[in-house]
Amino acid sequence: MVNPNAEIGRLRELMPATARMKTKLMLNDRQLKVIKAELPRPWQQAHTVSINLDLWHRLAVSDRDLLFLRTVCWVTLANVLKPNWYQALAGAGLAGGVVELFQGDAVGVVAAAGVTALAGWQIWRGVTGPQTDIAADDKAVQVACRRGYSQADAAAALIRAIEAVPPLEGRQVLTVNELIRCQNLRTQTGRSEFSVSEGYRR
């Protein structure tokens, strides 16, 4: 069984220095997920990463390391307020809706609400979609390489962790996002020539 205090201390040392001040680690054996981090809110100064220690200790140490680093990297990358065109569009739609509301133009309000909703959906998809997941995986591998792992070993450990988590959480199969992530990581282990992330960068 993993010693809780020792494991928390080890994980704190593992994460990037820039994330230590902004990440709060806690244990929660009641949660169904092996490791969980809520979508970061822009107004939050610290983000909580919670671990179910009973499930956590069933993973190999290297798999834990990469799963933890990937979660921390995802929290830092999933920034809702990252400037982009969709945010500008959402802001314009919201402002236009307020103006139309004061002018009593029902059609204008509906149109502005539609624009805002569409832009908001695109922002949400960008934060929670495969592109951010893949970027978090790649960043985790990079950080692991600074902690003594080789790129191939780090990528392989993260693949094992991704594949091991569903049964621990009561799921039978990987999600589409998880399959995409594994395919992308296999290129870093030398087992695949096709990189999914290249498709997202184009």
C-alpha atoms as a PDB file:
ATOM      1  CA  MET A   1       0.000   0.000   0.000  1.00  0.00           C
ATOM      2  CA  VAL A   2       1.253   3.482  -0.849  1.00  0.00           C
ATOM      3  CA  ASN A   3       2.114   5.707   2.116  1.00  0.00           C
ATOM      4  CA  PRO A   4      -0.168   8.742   1.658  1.00  0.00           C
ATOM      5  CA  ASN A   5       2.214  11.391   2.993  1.00  0.00           C
ATOM      6  CA  ALA A   6       5.208   9.975   1.157  1.00  0.00           C
ATOM      7  CA  GLU A   7       3.276   9.779  -2.114  1.00  0.00           C
ATOM      8  CA  ILE A   8       1.972  13.345  -1.861  1.00  0.00           C
ATOM      9  CA  GLY A   9       5.502  14.573  -1.133  1.00  0.00           C
ATOM     10  CA  ARG A  10       6.908  12.597  -4.055  1.00  0.00           C
ATOM     11  CA  LEU A  11       4.304  13.962  -6.454  1.00  0.00           C
ATOM     12  CA  ARG A  12       4.950  17.528  -5.335  1.00  0.00           C
ATOM     13  CA  GLU A  13       8.614  17.083  -6.193  1.00  0.00           C
ATOM     14  CA  LEU A  14       7.697  15.539  -9.518  1.00  0.00           C
ATOM     15  CA  MET A  15       5.548  18.371 -10.842  1.00  0.00           C
ATOM     16  CA  PRO A  16       7.048  21.436 -12.572  1.00  0.00           C
ATOM     17  CA  ALA A  17       8.152  24.192 -10.183  1.00  0.00           C
ATOM     18  CA  THR A  18       5.758  26.659 -11.826  1.00  0.00           C
ATOM     19  CA  ALA A  19       2.801  24.424 -10.979  1.00  0.00           C
ATOM     20  CA  ARG A  20       3.625  23.752  -7.313  1.00  0.00           C
ATOM     21  CA  MET A  21       2.301  27.067  -6.054  1.00  0.00           C
ATOM     22  CA  LYS A  22      -0.901  26.770  -8.100  1.00  0.00           C
ATOM     23  CA  THR A  23      -1.751  23.103  -7.534  1.00  0.00           C
ATOM     24  CA  LYS A  24      -3.327  21.679  -4.395  1.00  0.00           C
ATOM     25  CA  LEU A  25      -3.083  17.905  -3.958  1.00  0.00           C
ATOM     26  CA  MET A  26      -5.646  16.013  -1.918  1.00  0.00           C
ATOM     27  CA  LEU A  27      -6.748  12.428  -1.344  1.00  0.00           C
ATOM     28  CA  ASN A  28     -10.360  11.394  -1.891  1.00  0.00           C
ATOM     29  CA  ASP A  29     -11.052   7.688  -1.679  1.00  0.00           C
ATOM     30  CA  ARG A  30     -14.768   8.291  -2.335  1.00  0.00           C
ATOM     31  CA  GLN A  31     -14.298   9.565  -5.880  1.00  0.00           C
ATOM     32  CA  LEU A  32     -14.799   7.120  -8.734  1.00  0.00           C
ATOM     33  CA  LYS A  33     -11.901   8.417 -10.812  1.00  0.00           C
ATOM     34  CA  VAL A  34      -8.298   7.418 -10.190  1.00  0.00           C
ATOM     35  CA  ILE A  35      -7.216  11.050 -10.488  1.00  0.00           C
ATOM     36  CA  LYS A  36      -9.413  14.065 -11.061  1.00  0.00           C
ATOM     37  CA  ALA A  37      -8.956  17.757 -11.784  1.00  0.00           C
ATOM     38  CA  GLU A  38     -11.811  20.154 -12.354  1.00  0.00           C
ATOM     39  CA  LEU A  39     -11.783  22.440 -15.383  1.00  0.00           C
ATOM     40  CA  PRO A  40      -9.778  25.450 -14.152  1.00  0.00           C
ATOM     41  CA  ARG A  41     -11.697  28.683 -13.628  1.00  0.00           C
ATOM     42  CA  PRO A  42      -9.895  31.923 -14.542  1.00  0.00           C
ATOM     43  CA  TRP A  43     -10.608  33.459 -11.129  1.00  0.00           C
ATOM     44  CA  GLN A  44      -9.078  30.555  -9.203  1.00  0.00           C
ATOM     45  CA  GLN A  45      -5.553  31.073  -7.891  1.00  0.00           C
ATOM     46  CA  ALA A  46      -5.046  27.387  -7.082  1.00  0.00           C
ATOM     47  CA  HIS A  47      -6.384  24.253  -8.738  1.00  0.00           C
ATOM     48  CA  THR A  48      -7.170  21.021  -6.910  1.00  0.00           C
ATOM     49  CA  VAL A  49      -5.989  17.634  -8.117  1.00  0.00           C
ATOM     50  CA  SER A  50      -7.554  14.784  -6.155  1.00  0.00           C
ATOM     51  CA  ILE A  51      -6.444  11.161  -6.092  1.00  0.00           C
ATOM     52  CA  ASN A  52      -8.213   7.972  -5.056  1.00  0.00           C
ATOM     53  CA  LEU A  53      -5.288   6.324  -3.284  1.00  0.00           C
ATOM     54  CA  ASP A  54      -6.948   2.888  -3.219  1.00  0.00           C
ATOM     55  CA  LEU A  55      -7.052   2.867  -7.040  1.00  0.00           C
ATOM     56  CA  TRP A  56      -3.837   4.838  -7.434  1.00  0.00           C
ATOM     57  CA  HIS A  57      -1.593   2.242  -5.781  1.00  0.00           C
ATOM     58  CA  ARG A  58      -2.711  -0.387  -8.321  1.00  0.00           C
ATOM     59  CA  LEU A  59      -0.716   1.418 -11.008  1.00  0.00           C
ATOM     60  CA  ALA A  60       3.027   1.040 -11.467  1.00  0.00           C
ATOM     61  CA  VAL A  61       5.119   3.968 -10.205  1.00  0.00           C
ATOM     62  CA  SER A  62       6.105   5.100 -13.704  1.00  0.00           C
ATOM     63  CA  ASP A  63       2.485   4.952 -14.857  1.00  0.00           C
ATOM     64  CA  ARG A  64       1.441   7.027 -11.830  1.00  0.00           C
ATOM     65  CA  ASP A  65       4.136   9.577 -12.563  1.00  0.00           C
ATOM     66  CA  LEU A  66       3.029  10.155 -16.137  1.00  0.00           C
ATOM     67  CA  LEU A  67      -0.671  10.124 -15.302  1.00  0.00           C
ATOM     68  CA  PHE A  68      -0.068  12.726 -12.611  1.00  0.00           C
ATOM     69  CA  LEU A  69       2.132  14.918 -14.819  1.00  0.00           C
ATOM     70  CA  ARG A  70      -0.425  14.719 -17.605  1.00  0.00           C
ATOM     71  CA  THR A  71      -3.189  15.877 -15.242  1.00  0.00           C
ATOM     72  CA  VAL A  72      -1.127  18.810 -13.966  1.00  0.00           C
ATOM     73  CA  CYS A  73      -0.190  19.787 -17.530  1.00  0.00           C
ATOM     74  CA  TRP A  74      -3.826  19.601 -18.614  1.00  0.00           C
ATOM     75  CA  VAL A  75      -4.828  21.982 -15.818  1.00  0.00           C
ATOM     76  CA  THR A  76      -2.225  24.518 -16.938  1.00  0.00           C
ATOM     77  CA  LEU A  77      -3.181  24.205 -20.628  1.00  0.00           C
ATOM     78  CA  ALA A  78      -6.978  24.187 -20.272  1.00  0.00           C
ATOM     79  CA  ASN A  79      -7.258  27.953 -19.947  1.00  0.00           C
ATOM     80  CA  VAL A  80     -10.730  29.190 -20.847  1.00  0.00           C
ATOM     81  CA  LEU A  81      -9.509  32.777 -21.123  1.00  0.00           C
ATOM     82  CA  LYS A  82      -6.744  32.057 -23.618  1.00  0.00           C
ATOM     83  CA  PRO A  83      -7.228  34.789 -26.249  1.00  0.00           C
ATOM     84  CA  ASN A  84      -8.695  33.616 -29.561  1.00  0.00           C
ATOM     85  CA  TRP A  85     -11.227  34.665 -32.210  1.00  0.00           C
ATOM     86  CA  TYR A  86     -14.037  32.698 -30.622  1.00  0.00           C
ATOM     87  CA  GLN A  87     -13.662  34.601 -27.363  1.00  0.00           C
ATOM     88  CA  ALA A  88     -13.807  37.888 -29.254  1.00  0.00           C
ATOM     89  CA  LEU A  89     -16.903  36.631 -31.074  1.00  0.00           C
ATOM     90  CA  ALA A  90     -18.529  35.558 -27.810  1.00  0.00           C
ATOM     91  CA  GLY A  91     -17.798  38.931 -26.267  1.00  0.00           C
ATOM     92  CA  ALA A  92     -19.206  40.760 -29.285  1.00  0.00           C
ATOM     93  CA  GLY A  93     -22.330  38.592 -29.296  1.00  0.00           C
ATOM     94  CA  LEU A  94     -22.889  39.173 -25.588  1.00  0.00           C
ATOM     95  CA  ALA A  95     -22.440  42.937 -25.923  1.00  0.00           C
ATOM     96  CA  GLY A  96     -24.699  43.015 -28.988  1.00  0.00           C
ATOM     97  CA  GLY A  97     -27.361  41.058 -27.126  1.00  0.00           C
ATOM     98  CA  VAL A  98     -27.368  43.575 -24.277  1.00  0.00           C
ATOM     99  CA  VAL A  99     -27.723  46.484 -26.736  1.00  0.00           C
ATOM    100  CA  GLU A 100     -30.550  44.755 -28.612  1.00  0.00           C
ATOM    101  CA  LEU A 101     -32.262  43.931 -25.328  1.00  0.00           C
ATOM    102  CA  PHE A 102     -32.310  47.587 -24.279  1.00  0.00           C
ATOM    103  CA  GLN A 103     -33.618  48.538 -27.721  1.00  0.00           C
ATOM    104  CA  GLY A 104     -36.390  45.968 -27.456  1.00  0.00           C
ATOM    105  CA  ASP A 105     -35.361  44.130 -30.632  1.00  0.00           C
ATOM    106  CA  ALA A 106     -36.356  40.501 -29.979  1.00  0.00           C
ATOM    107  CA  VAL A 107     -34.909  39.247 -33.285  1.00  0.00           C
ATOM    108  CA  GLY A 108     -31.601  40.970 -32.567  1.00  0.00           C
ATOM    109  CA  VAL A 109     -31.467  39.438 -29.087  1.00  0.00           C
ATOM    110  CA  VAL A 110     -32.064  35.943 -30.479  1.00  0.00           C
ATOM    111  CA  ALA A 111     -29.410  36.431 -33.171  1.00  0.00           C
ATOM    112  CA  ALA A 112     -26.858  37.728 -30.652  1.00  0.00           C
ATOM    113  CA  ALA A 113     -27.637  34.861 -28.279  1.00  0.00           C
ATOM    114  CA  GLY A 114     -27.080  32.391 -31.109  1.00  0.00           C
ATOM    115  CA  VAL A 115     -23.698  33.898 -31.957  1.00  0.00           C
ATOM    116  CA  THR A 116     -22.664  33.868 -28.286  1.00  0.00           C
ATOM    117  CA  ALA A 117     -23.780  30.246 -27.827  1.00  0.00           C
ATOM    118  CA  LEU A 118     -21.925  29.101 -30.954  1.00  0.00           C
ATOM    119  CA  ALA A 119     -18.739  30.875 -29.920  1.00  0.00           C
ATOM    120  CA  GLY A 120     -19.067  29.531 -26.365  1.00  0.00           C
ATOM    121  CA  TRP A 121     -19.446  25.996 -27.683  1.00  0.00           C
ATOM    122  CA  GLN A 122     -16.304  26.361 -29.794  1.00  0.00           C
ATOM    123  CA  ILE A 123     -14.371  27.669 -26.779  1.00  0.00           C
ATOM    124  CA  TRP A 124     -15.561  24.738 -24.648  1.00  0.00           C
ATOM    125  CA  ARG A 125     -14.710  22.229 -27.368  1.00  0.00           C
ATOM    126  CA  GLY A 126     -11.242  23.731 -27.713  1.00  0.00           C
ATOM    127  CA  VAL A 127     -10.589  23.337 -23.986  1.00  0.00           C
ATOM    128  CA  THR A 128     -12.041  19.841 -23.542  1.00  0.00           C
ATOM    129  CA  GLY A 129     -11.361  18.346 -26.987  1.00  0.00           C
ATOM    130  CA  PRO A 130      -8.580  16.121 -28.326  1.00  0.00           C
ATOM    131  CA  GLN A 131      -6.245  18.992 -29.188  1.00  0.00           C
ATOM    132  CA  THR A 132      -5.832  20.057 -25.552  1.00  0.00           C
ATOM    133  CA  ASP A 133      -5.600  16.423 -24.419  1.00  0.00           C
ATOM    134  CA  ILE A 134      -2.820  15.702 -26.908  1.00  0.00           C
ATOM    135  CA  ALA A 135      -0.977  18.894 -25.959  1.00  0.00           C
ATOM    136  CA  ALA A 136      -1.177  17.897 -22.272  1.00  0.00           C
ATOM    137  CA  ASP A 137       0.181  14.420 -23.054  1.00  0.00           C
ATOM    138  CA  ASP A 138       3.093  15.851 -25.049  1.00  0.00           C
ATOM    139  CA  LYS A 139       3.875  18.356 -22.282  1.00  0.00           C
ATOM    140  CA  ALA A 140       3.805  15.603 -19.649  1.00  0.00           C
ATOM    141  CA  VAL A 141       6.314  13.565 -21.644  1.00  0.00           C
ATOM    142  CA  GLN A 142       8.556  16.622 -21.926  1.00  0.00           C
ATOM    143  CA  VAL A 143       8.446  17.220 -18.167  1.00  0.00           C
ATOM    144  CA  ALA A 144       9.112  13.523 -17.486  1.00  0.00           C
ATOM    145  CA  CYS A 145      12.221  13.727 -19.667  1.00  0.00           C
ATOM    146  CA  ARG A 146      13.522  16.416 -17.291  1.00  0.00           C
ATOM    147  CA  ARG A 147      12.865  14.009 -14.406  1.00  0.00           C
ATOM    148  CA  GLY A 148      15.065  11.249 -15.777  1.00  0.00           C
ATOM    149  CA  TYR A 149      12.730   9.402 -18.134  1.00  0.00           C
ATOM    150  CA  SER A 150      13.541   8.828 -21.773  1.00  0.00           C
ATOM    151  CA  GLN A 151      10.923  10.042 -24.249  1.00  0.00           C
ATOM    152  CA  ALA A 152      10.046   6.492 -25.283  1.00  0.00           C
ATOM    153  CA  ASP A 153       9.721   5.245 -21.695  1.00  0.00           C
ATOM    154  CA  ALA A 154       7.629   8.245 -20.650  1.00  0.00           C
ATOM    155  CA  ALA A 155       5.266   7.870 -23.606  1.00  0.00           C
ATOM    156  CA  ALA A 156       4.960   4.115 -23.005  1.00  0.00           C
ATOM    157  CA  ALA A 157       4.184   4.675 -19.322  1.00  0.00           C
ATOM    158  CA  LEU A 158       1.455   7.172 -20.177  1.00  0.00           C
ATOM    159  CA  ILE A 159      -0.065   4.746 -22.691  1.00  0.00           C
ATOM    160  CA  ARG A 160      -0.143   2.042 -20.014  1.00  0.00           C
ATOM    161  CA  ALA A 161      -1.775   4.452 -17.579  1.00  0.00           C
ATOM    162  CA  ILE A 162      -4.428   5.524 -20.097  1.00  0.00           C
ATOM    163  CA  GLU A 163      -5.242   1.880 -20.838  1.00  0.00           C
ATOM    164  CA  ALA A 164      -5.215   0.826 -17.157  1.00  0.00           C
ATOM    165  CA  VAL A 165      -7.517   3.547 -15.811  1.00  0.00           C
ATOM    166  CA  PRO A 166     -10.862   2.528 -17.441  1.00  0.00           C
ATOM    167  CA  PRO A 167     -11.092  -0.907 -15.731  1.00  0.00           C
ATOM    168  CA  LEU A 168     -10.194   0.683 -12.389  1.00  0.00           C
ATOM    169  CA  GLU A 169     -13.030   3.179 -12.870  1.00  0.00           C
ATOM    170  CA  GLY A 170     -15.549   0.560 -13.974  1.00  0.00           C
ATOM    171  CA  ARG A 171     -15.351   1.269 -17.703  1.00  0.00           C
ATOM    172  CA  GLN A 172     -14.889  -1.512 -20.229  1.00  0.00           C
ATOM    173  CA  VAL A 173     -13.474   0.396 -23.199  1.00  0.00           C
ATOM    174  CA  LEU A 174     -11.395   3.475 -23.948  1.00  0.00           C
ATOM    175  CA  THR A 175     -13.107   6.635 -25.134  1.00  0.00           C
ATOM    176  CA  VAL A 176     -12.432   8.024 -28.610  1.00  0.00           C
ATOM    177  CA  ASN A 177     -10.222  10.732 -27.079  1.00  0.00           C
ATOM    178  CA  GLU A 178      -8.208   8.121 -25.187  1.00  0.00           C
ATOM    179  CA  LEU A 179      -7.697   6.059 -28.340  1.00  0.00           C
ATOM    180  CA  ILE A 180      -6.513   9.162 -30.209  1.00  0.00           C
ATOM    181  CA  ARG A 181      -4.114  10.018 -27.389  1.00  0.00           C
ATOM    182  CA  CYS A 182      -2.639   6.512 -27.346  1.00  0.00           C
ATOM    183  CA  GLN A 183      -2.106   6.603 -31.106  1.00  0.00           C
ATOM    184  CA  ASN A 184      -0.288   9.917 -30.822  1.00  0.00           C
ATOM    185  CA  LEU A 185       1.896   8.684 -27.952  1.00  0.00           C
ATOM    186  CA  ARG A 186       2.889   5.531 -29.830  1.00  0.00           C
ATOM    187  CA  THR A 187       4.754   7.713 -32.343  1.00  0.00           C
ATOM    188  CA  GLN A 188       6.986   8.798 -29.466  1.00  0.00           C
ATOM    189  CA  THR A 189       7.765   5.209 -28.535  1.00  0.00           C
ATOM    190  CA  GLY A 190       8.752   4.352 -32.114  1.00  0.00           C
ATOM    191  CA  ARG A 191       5.830   1.956 -32.529  1.00  0.00           C
ATOM    192  CA  SER A 192       3.856   4.061 -35.001  1.00  0.00           C
ATOM    193  CA  GLU A 193       4.772   6.347 -37.873  1.00  0.00           C
ATOM    194  CA  PHE A 194       1.484   8.253 -37.821  1.00  0.00           C
ATOM    195  CA  SER A 195       1.233  11.219 -35.469  1.00  0.00           C
ATOM    196  CA  VAL A 196      -2.279  12.361 -34.631  1.00  0.00           C
ATOM    197  CA  SER A 197      -0.993  15.681 -33.289  1.00  0.00           C
ATOM    198  CA  GLU A 198       0.419  16.595 -36.721  1.00  0.00           C
ATOM    199  CA  GLY A 199      -3.098  16.490 -38.085  1.00  0.00           C
ATOM    200  CA  TYR A 200      -4.309  18.925 -35.443  1.00  0.00           C
ATOM    201  CA  ARG A 201      -1.418  21.312 -36.077  1.00  0.00           C
ATOM    202  CA  ARG A 202      -2.203  21.631 -39.782  1.00  0.00           C
END
